[in-house]
Amino acid sequence: MRDTTTLTIPALLARVEAIFRTAGMSTIQAGALARVITAGERDNCKSHGVYRVEGVLRTVKAGKVNPLAEPVLLPGEGTAIVRVDAQGGFANPAFELGVPALAARAKALGLAALVINDCTHFSALWPEVEALTDQGLAAMVMCPSYATVAPTGGTQPLLGTNPFAFGWPRRDAPPYVFDFATSVAARGEIELHRRAGKPLPEGWALDAAGQPTTDPEAALAGAMLPFGGHKGSAIGTMIELLAAIMIGDKTSPEVLDYLGSTSLAPFHGELILAFDPARFAEGRAGNPLDRAETLFEAIVGQGARLPSQRRFAARAMAQAQGITLSAAEVAQLDHLLAQGLGAVT
């Protein structure tokens, strides 16, 4: 057996979508999830690539997500808030439904917000940010998770990993994008360390007794730590307030109570903010996109790297040469396609 297999981007997309359709998911749900998983592999973000397929199936089998959901764009013309009811399905098709209305409203009003309620969150947030920078908009995206992170000074899980992403559009280059968990690392990174039998770096996690640990198993049973100490803890709390409490959806502790497990994808809401730089700079000297390029050039001129540059380089390589999967990854995809929901417990 070959150690690796290289697939074109469309071929991997079709394979992942077929797995989800075999598991009983609708075209709307399966297609949106397959697109973000393929994007993760394309950009060499392994923690959000095909590794996540099994978790999707597990969540469907547990009955904690509606695999046939058709998201609904709710009435609300004339306001800055676009609201989509995910109908208990995954967040991704709900986001895809809401983006055109969000972009149109942001361009009309200068800024607008997309609220997604009653969704199962899946994937990184940068695909959503990039969907808005593609429209010439700046964007922020945030959501809670389930309680797996201890606040600074605490010892027990209370906050979620609570990811936060930002994007700024550029004319002749990939957008300026960052996307990170407000924990030291994403939970998926700890799981990947566990699977590889590798210890965690110091300062990532606590065990169930509240003591520092480098053991991934102990970390998964205990609590992760926020990045930057009290700063990450405060930002994680802000996300609980804005993207859970303010939009009338579940906080991270409530998500964990609902699921009863961290092995399933979390069920909550999501908040997306879109800004039109041209509208904000109206009447002022200088084009905001040109002025941003001056800043980016100054950063790079010092020898620094803009965030996501490695990801964009990996994307260019995948577009030219395809996506390479290990033999184990290919075997797992084949197994999931053959067995469907029967492949997960």
Protein backbone atom coordinates (compact mmCIF):
# COMPACT_ATOMS: atom_id res chain seq x y z
CA MET A 1 0.00 0.00 0.00
CA ARG A 2 1.27 3.49 -0.84
CA ASP A 3 2.11 5.70 2.13
CA THR A 4 0.20 8.66 0.66
CA THR A 5 -2.50 9.41 -1.90
CA THR A 6 -2.91 12.73 -3.72
CA LEU A 7 -6.40 13.88 -4.67
CA THR A 8 -7.57 16.91 -6.56
CA ILE A 9 -9.56 19.39 -4.50
CA PRO A 10 -12.85 18.50 -6.29
CA ALA A 11 -12.16 14.78 -5.79
CA LEU A 12 -11.71 15.16 -2.03
CA LEU A 13 -14.80 17.37 -1.85
CA ALA A 14 -16.86 14.71 -3.64
CA ARG A 15 -15.54 11.94 -1.40
CA VAL A 16 -16.33 13.78 1.84
CA GLU A 17 -19.76 14.84 0.62
CA ALA A 18 -20.51 11.23 -0.36
CA ILE A 19 -19.67 10.09 3.17
CA PHE A 20 -22.16 12.56 4.63
CA ARG A 21 -24.87 11.68 2.10
CA THR A 22 -24.36 7.96 2.88
CA ALA A 23 -24.87 8.83 6.56
CA GLY A 24 -28.28 10.32 5.75
CA MET A 25 -27.46 14.02 5.60
CA SER A 26 -29.27 16.29 3.16
CA THR A 27 -27.53 17.87 0.19
CA ILE A 28 -27.65 21.27 1.93
CA GLN A 29 -26.00 19.99 5.11
CA ALA A 30 -23.55 17.58 3.45
CA GLY A 31 -22.37 20.06 0.84
CA ALA A 32 -21.64 22.90 3.25
CA LEU A 33 -19.69 20.66 5.64
CA ALA A 34 -17.75 18.98 2.84
CA ARG A 35 -16.68 22.40 1.56
CA VAL A 36 -15.18 23.53 4.88
CA ILE A 37 -13.50 20.18 5.57
CA THR A 38 -11.94 20.21 2.11
CA ALA A 39 -10.85 23.81 2.65
CA GLY A 40 -9.13 22.74 5.87
CA GLU A 41 -7.14 20.04 4.09
CA ARG A 42 -6.44 22.32 1.13
CA ASP A 43 -4.90 24.89 3.50
CA ASN A 44 -3.04 22.22 5.52
CA CYS A 45 -5.14 22.91 8.63
CA LYS A 46 -5.16 19.26 9.69
CA SER A 47 -7.07 19.88 12.91
CA HIS A 48 -10.04 21.06 10.81
CA GLY A 49 -9.70 18.67 7.88
CA VAL A 50 -10.77 15.07 7.29
CA TYR A 51 -10.00 14.31 10.94
CA ARG A 52 -13.33 16.05 11.70
CA VAL A 53 -15.52 13.81 9.52
CA GLU A 54 -15.87 11.16 12.22
CA GLY A 55 -17.02 13.78 14.75
CA VAL A 56 -19.74 14.96 12.38
CA LEU A 57 -21.06 11.43 12.01
CA ARG A 58 -20.89 10.85 15.76
CA THR A 59 -22.95 13.98 16.39
CA VAL A 60 -25.54 12.94 13.80
CA LYS A 61 -25.78 9.43 15.27
CA ALA A 62 -26.24 10.85 18.78
CA GLY A 63 -29.27 12.80 17.58
CA LYS A 64 -27.76 16.14 18.65
CA VAL A 65 -27.97 17.73 15.19
CA ASN A 66 -30.65 17.68 12.50
CA PRO A 67 -28.97 16.21 9.38
CA LEU A 68 -31.92 17.25 7.19
CA ALA A 69 -32.29 20.82 8.47
CA GLU A 70 -33.11 23.61 6.05
CA PRO A 71 -31.99 26.93 7.60
CA VAL A 72 -34.41 29.84 7.46
CA LEU A 73 -33.56 33.49 6.82
CA LEU A 74 -35.86 35.41 9.17
CA PRO A 75 -37.59 38.71 8.32
CA GLY A 76 -35.80 41.85 9.39
CA GLU A 77 -35.40 44.30 6.50
CA GLY A 78 -34.38 47.79 7.52
CA THR A 79 -32.26 46.77 10.49
CA ALA A 80 -28.54 46.06 10.78
CA ILE A 81 -29.23 42.56 12.11
CA VAL A 82 -29.64 39.59 9.77
CA ARG A 83 -30.89 36.50 11.59
CA VAL A 84 -30.83 32.89 10.41
CA ASP A 85 -32.48 30.03 12.27
CA ALA A 86 -30.31 26.98 11.61
CA GLN A 87 -33.24 24.73 12.53
CA GLY A 88 -31.00 22.51 14.61
CA GLY A 89 -28.61 21.82 11.73
CA PHE A 90 -24.97 22.70 11.26
CA ALA A 91 -23.86 26.34 11.26
CA ASN A 92 -22.22 26.19 7.83
CA PRO A 93 -25.32 26.02 5.61
CA ALA A 94 -26.96 28.66 7.80
CA PHE A 95 -23.96 30.92 7.27
CA GLU A 96 -24.01 30.35 3.52
CA LEU A 97 -27.69 31.30 3.46
CA GLY A 98 -27.14 34.50 5.45
CA VAL A 99 -24.00 35.87 3.77
CA PRO A 100 -25.66 37.57 0.76
CA ALA A 101 -28.09 39.46 2.99
CA LEU A 102 -25.33 40.33 5.46
CA ALA A 103 -23.05 41.68 2.71
CA ALA A 104 -25.84 43.70 1.11
CA ARG A 105 -26.86 45.20 4.42
CA ALA A 106 -23.28 46.02 5.44
CA LYS A 107 -22.74 47.87 2.15
CA ALA A 108 -26.02 49.73 2.54
CA LEU A 109 -25.58 50.67 6.20
CA GLY A 110 -21.82 50.56 6.68
CA LEU A 111 -22.00 47.70 9.14
CA ALA A 112 -24.30 44.77 9.83
CA ALA A 113 -24.45 41.64 11.95
CA LEU A 114 -25.44 38.08 11.14
CA VAL A 115 -26.87 36.12 14.05
CA ILE A 116 -27.13 32.34 13.66
CA ASN A 117 -29.24 30.59 16.28
CA ASP A 118 -29.76 26.93 17.15
CA CYS A 119 -26.84 25.55 15.19
CA THR A 120 -24.18 22.92 15.65
CA HIS A 121 -20.84 24.63 15.19
CA PHE A 122 -18.32 23.02 12.92
CA SER A 123 -14.99 24.01 11.41
CA ALA A 124 -12.61 26.92 11.72
CA LEU A 125 -13.93 30.47 11.36
CA TRP A 126 -11.55 31.67 8.65
CA PRO A 127 -13.70 30.25 5.79
CA GLU A 128 -16.50 32.52 7.00
CA VAL A 129 -14.24 35.54 7.37
CA GLU A 130 -12.90 34.98 3.85
CA ALA A 131 -16.42 34.76 2.43
CA LEU A 132 -16.84 38.38 3.57
CA THR A 133 -13.40 39.70 2.61
CA ASP A 134 -14.19 38.31 -0.85
CA GLN A 135 -17.03 40.86 -0.87
CA GLY A 136 -14.68 43.73 0.01
CA LEU A 137 -15.78 43.77 3.65
CA ALA A 138 -13.89 43.57 6.92
CA ALA A 139 -15.32 41.00 9.29
CA MET A 140 -15.25 39.58 12.80
CA VAL A 141 -16.65 36.15 13.66
CA MET A 142 -17.02 34.58 17.09
CA CYS A 143 -18.86 31.81 18.91
CA PRO A 144 -18.79 29.94 22.23
CA SER A 145 -18.11 26.22 22.52
CA TYR A 146 -18.53 23.85 25.43
CA ALA A 147 -17.01 24.44 28.85
CA THR A 148 -13.45 23.11 28.56
CA VAL A 149 -11.35 26.13 29.57
CA ALA A 150 -10.66 27.31 33.11
CA PRO A 151 -10.72 31.10 33.60
CA THR A 152 -7.41 32.56 34.71
CA GLY A 153 -7.02 31.83 38.41
CA GLY A 154 -9.61 29.05 38.27
CA THR A 155 -9.16 25.29 38.12
CA GLN A 156 -12.33 23.93 36.51
CA PRO A 157 -13.77 24.17 32.98
CA LEU A 158 -16.14 27.13 32.59
CA LEU A 159 -15.41 28.97 29.33
CA GLY A 160 -15.30 27.45 25.88
CA THR A 161 -12.33 27.55 23.54
CA ASN A 162 -14.37 30.42 22.08
CA PRO A 163 -12.73 31.08 18.71
CA PHE A 164 -12.42 34.58 17.30
CA ALA A 165 -11.52 35.53 13.73
CA PHE A 166 -10.92 38.77 11.84
CA GLY A 167 -10.42 39.54 8.18
CA TRP A 168 -9.49 42.61 6.13
CA PRO A 169 -9.91 42.68 2.32
CA ARG A 170 -6.99 43.32 -0.02
CA ARG A 171 -7.13 44.01 -3.76
CA ASP A 172 -4.12 42.14 -5.12
CA ALA A 173 -3.23 39.73 -2.34
CA PRO A 174 -4.96 37.23 -0.08
CA PRO A 175 -6.84 38.93 2.76
CA TYR A 176 -5.34 39.73 6.13
CA VAL A 177 -6.90 37.00 8.29
CA PHE A 178 -6.37 35.63 11.75
CA ASP A 179 -8.40 32.94 13.46
CA PHE A 180 -7.59 31.54 16.88
CA ALA A 181 -9.12 29.93 19.90
CA THR A 182 -9.05 32.01 23.07
CA SER A 183 -7.58 28.95 24.77
CA VAL A 184 -3.83 28.37 24.42
CA ALA A 185 -4.64 25.80 21.71
CA ALA A 186 -7.73 24.47 19.98
CA ARG A 187 -9.16 21.32 21.53
CA GLY A 188 -8.53 19.55 18.25
CA GLU A 189 -4.80 20.17 18.68
CA ILE A 190 -4.85 18.38 22.04
CA GLU A 191 -6.71 15.47 20.48
CA LEU A 192 -4.13 15.28 17.69
CA HIS A 193 -1.36 15.16 20.34
CA ARG A 194 -3.24 12.34 22.06
CA ARG A 195 -3.56 10.34 18.86
CA ALA A 196 0.12 10.84 18.08
CA GLY A 197 1.20 9.91 21.62
CA LYS A 198 2.95 13.26 22.02
CA PRO A 199 3.09 15.30 25.25
CA LEU A 200 1.59 18.77 25.31
CA PRO A 201 3.73 21.87 25.73
CA GLU A 202 3.89 23.28 29.24
CA GLY A 203 1.14 25.77 30.06
CA TRP A 204 -1.57 24.33 27.84
CA ALA A 205 -3.76 22.51 30.35
CA LEU A 206 -4.72 21.38 33.84
CA ASP A 207 -5.70 17.88 34.94
CA ALA A 208 -8.99 17.06 36.69
CA ALA A 209 -7.47 18.04 40.04
CA GLY A 210 -6.56 21.49 38.70
CA GLN A 211 -2.82 20.76 38.44
CA PRO A 212 -0.69 21.60 35.37
CA THR A 213 -0.26 18.66 32.99
CA THR A 214 1.42 17.79 29.69
CA ASP A 215 -0.55 14.53 29.32
CA PRO A 216 -3.19 14.93 26.55
CA GLU A 217 -5.47 12.34 28.20
CA ALA A 218 -5.33 14.20 31.52
CA ALA A 219 -5.86 17.51 29.73
CA LEU A 220 -8.97 16.25 27.94
CA ALA A 221 -10.34 15.10 31.31
CA GLY A 222 -9.39 18.39 32.97
CA ALA A 223 -9.31 21.91 31.58
CA MET A 224 -7.45 23.89 28.98
CA LEU A 225 -5.97 27.29 29.81
CA PRO A 226 -6.70 30.63 28.12
CA PHE A 227 -3.99 32.19 25.98
CA GLY A 228 -2.23 35.19 27.46
CA GLY A 229 -3.51 34.59 30.98
CA HIS A 230 -6.09 37.15 32.09
CA LYS A 231 -6.22 38.71 28.60
CA GLY A 232 -7.40 35.53 26.89
CA SER A 233 -9.73 34.84 29.79
CA ALA A 234 -11.36 38.26 29.37
CA ILE A 235 -11.74 37.86 25.59
CA GLY A 236 -13.26 34.39 26.09
CA THR A 237 -15.74 35.89 28.54
CA MET A 238 -16.57 38.68 26.08
CA ILE A 239 -17.44 36.04 23.48
CA GLU A 240 -19.75 34.28 25.95
CA LEU A 241 -21.51 37.64 26.44
CA LEU A 242 -21.75 38.71 22.78
CA ALA A 243 -22.12 35.42 20.91
CA ALA A 244 -24.22 33.52 23.45
CA ILE A 245 -26.03 35.67 26.00
CA MET A 246 -26.60 38.72 23.77
CA ILE A 247 -28.03 36.67 20.89
CA GLY A 248 -30.20 34.56 23.17
CA ASP A 249 -28.33 31.31 22.70
CA LYS A 250 -26.42 28.81 24.83
CA THR A 251 -23.32 29.64 26.86
CA SER A 252 -20.49 27.12 26.95
CA PRO A 253 -21.60 25.56 30.29
CA GLU A 254 -25.13 25.26 28.92
CA VAL A 255 -23.79 23.58 25.78
CA LEU A 256 -21.95 20.97 27.85
CA ASP A 257 -25.07 20.35 29.94
CA TYR A 258 -27.08 19.85 26.74
CA LEU A 259 -24.60 17.48 25.09
CA GLY A 260 -23.33 15.68 28.16
CA SER A 261 -20.06 15.07 26.32
CA THR A 262 -17.22 16.87 24.57
CA SER A 263 -17.02 14.15 21.92
CA LEU A 264 -19.87 15.75 19.96
CA ALA A 265 -19.88 19.01 18.01
CA PRO A 266 -21.16 21.87 20.20
CA PHE A 267 -24.69 23.26 19.82
CA HIS A 268 -25.07 27.04 20.27
CA GLY A 269 -25.19 30.26 18.24
CA GLU A 270 -22.76 32.38 16.27
CA LEU A 271 -22.19 36.10 15.71
CA ILE A 272 -20.71 37.56 12.52
CA LEU A 273 -19.99 41.29 12.14
CA ALA A 274 -19.34 42.87 8.73
CA PHE A 275 -17.93 46.37 8.06
CA ASP A 276 -17.62 48.32 4.82
CA PRO A 277 -14.27 50.17 5.02
CA ALA A 278 -15.28 52.61 2.28
CA ARG A 279 -18.39 53.68 4.19
CA PHE A 280 -16.49 54.14 7.45
CA ALA A 281 -13.78 56.25 5.77
CA GLU A 282 -16.26 58.31 3.74
CA GLY A 283 -15.29 61.98 3.59
CA ARG A 284 -11.81 61.36 4.98
CA ALA A 285 -8.52 61.59 3.12
CA GLY A 286 -7.02 58.41 1.72
CA ASN A 287 -8.44 55.10 0.61
CA PRO A 288 -8.62 52.67 3.57
CA LEU A 289 -7.46 49.70 1.47
CA ASP A 290 -4.43 51.65 0.25
CA ARG A 291 -3.60 52.85 3.77
CA ALA A 292 -3.86 49.28 5.05
CA GLU A 293 -1.30 48.18 2.45
CA THR A 294 1.13 50.75 3.85
CA LEU A 295 0.73 49.13 7.27
CA PHE A 296 1.14 45.59 5.92
CA GLU A 297 4.25 46.61 3.96
CA ALA A 298 5.75 48.09 7.12
CA ILE A 299 5.09 44.87 9.04
CA VAL A 300 6.64 42.67 6.35
CA GLY A 301 9.47 45.17 5.92
CA GLN A 302 10.63 44.40 9.45
CA GLY A 303 10.90 40.72 8.58
CA ALA A 304 7.59 39.83 10.26
CA ARG A 305 5.03 37.50 8.70
CA LEU A 306 1.37 38.36 8.22
CA PRO A 307 -1.01 35.78 9.74
CA SER A 308 -2.35 33.02 7.46
CA GLN A 309 0.53 33.37 4.97
CA ARG A 310 1.54 29.73 5.48
CA ARG A 311 -2.06 28.71 4.97
CA PHE A 312 -2.30 30.68 1.73
CA ALA A 313 0.96 29.14 0.52
CA ALA A 314 -0.41 25.66 1.29
CA ARG A 315 -3.58 26.57 -0.60
CA ALA A 316 -1.63 27.59 -3.69
CA MET A 317 0.32 24.33 -3.58
CA ALA A 318 -2.86 22.26 -3.21
CA GLN A 319 -4.50 24.08 -6.09
CA ALA A 320 -1.49 23.30 -8.26
CA GLN A 321 -0.60 19.80 -7.05
CA GLY A 322 -3.63 18.42 -5.18
CA ILE A 323 -4.16 17.39 -1.56
CA THR A 324 -1.99 14.62 -0.12
CA LEU A 325 -3.52 12.29 2.47
CA SER A 326 -1.81 9.58 4.46
CA ALA A 327 -2.70 5.93 3.94
CA ALA A 328 -4.44 5.95 7.33
CA GLU A 329 -6.55 8.95 6.38
CA VAL A 330 -7.59 7.38 3.08
CA ALA A 331 -8.43 4.10 4.82
CA GLN A 332 -10.54 5.96 7.37
CA LEU A 333 -12.46 7.81 4.64
CA ASP A 334 -13.07 4.52 2.81
CA HIS A 335 -14.30 2.94 6.05
CA LEU A 336 -16.66 5.83 6.81
CA LEU A 337 -18.04 5.76 3.28
CA ALA A 338 -18.67 2.02 3.42
CA GLN A 339 -20.15 1.92 6.92
CA GLY A 340 -21.82 5.33 7.31
CA LEU A 341 -23.15 5.88 10.81
CA GLY A 342 -22.30 2.26 11.60
CA ALA A 343 -18.64 3.28 11.60
CA VAL A 344 -18.98 5.41 14.75
CA THR A 345 -20.09 4.71 18.31
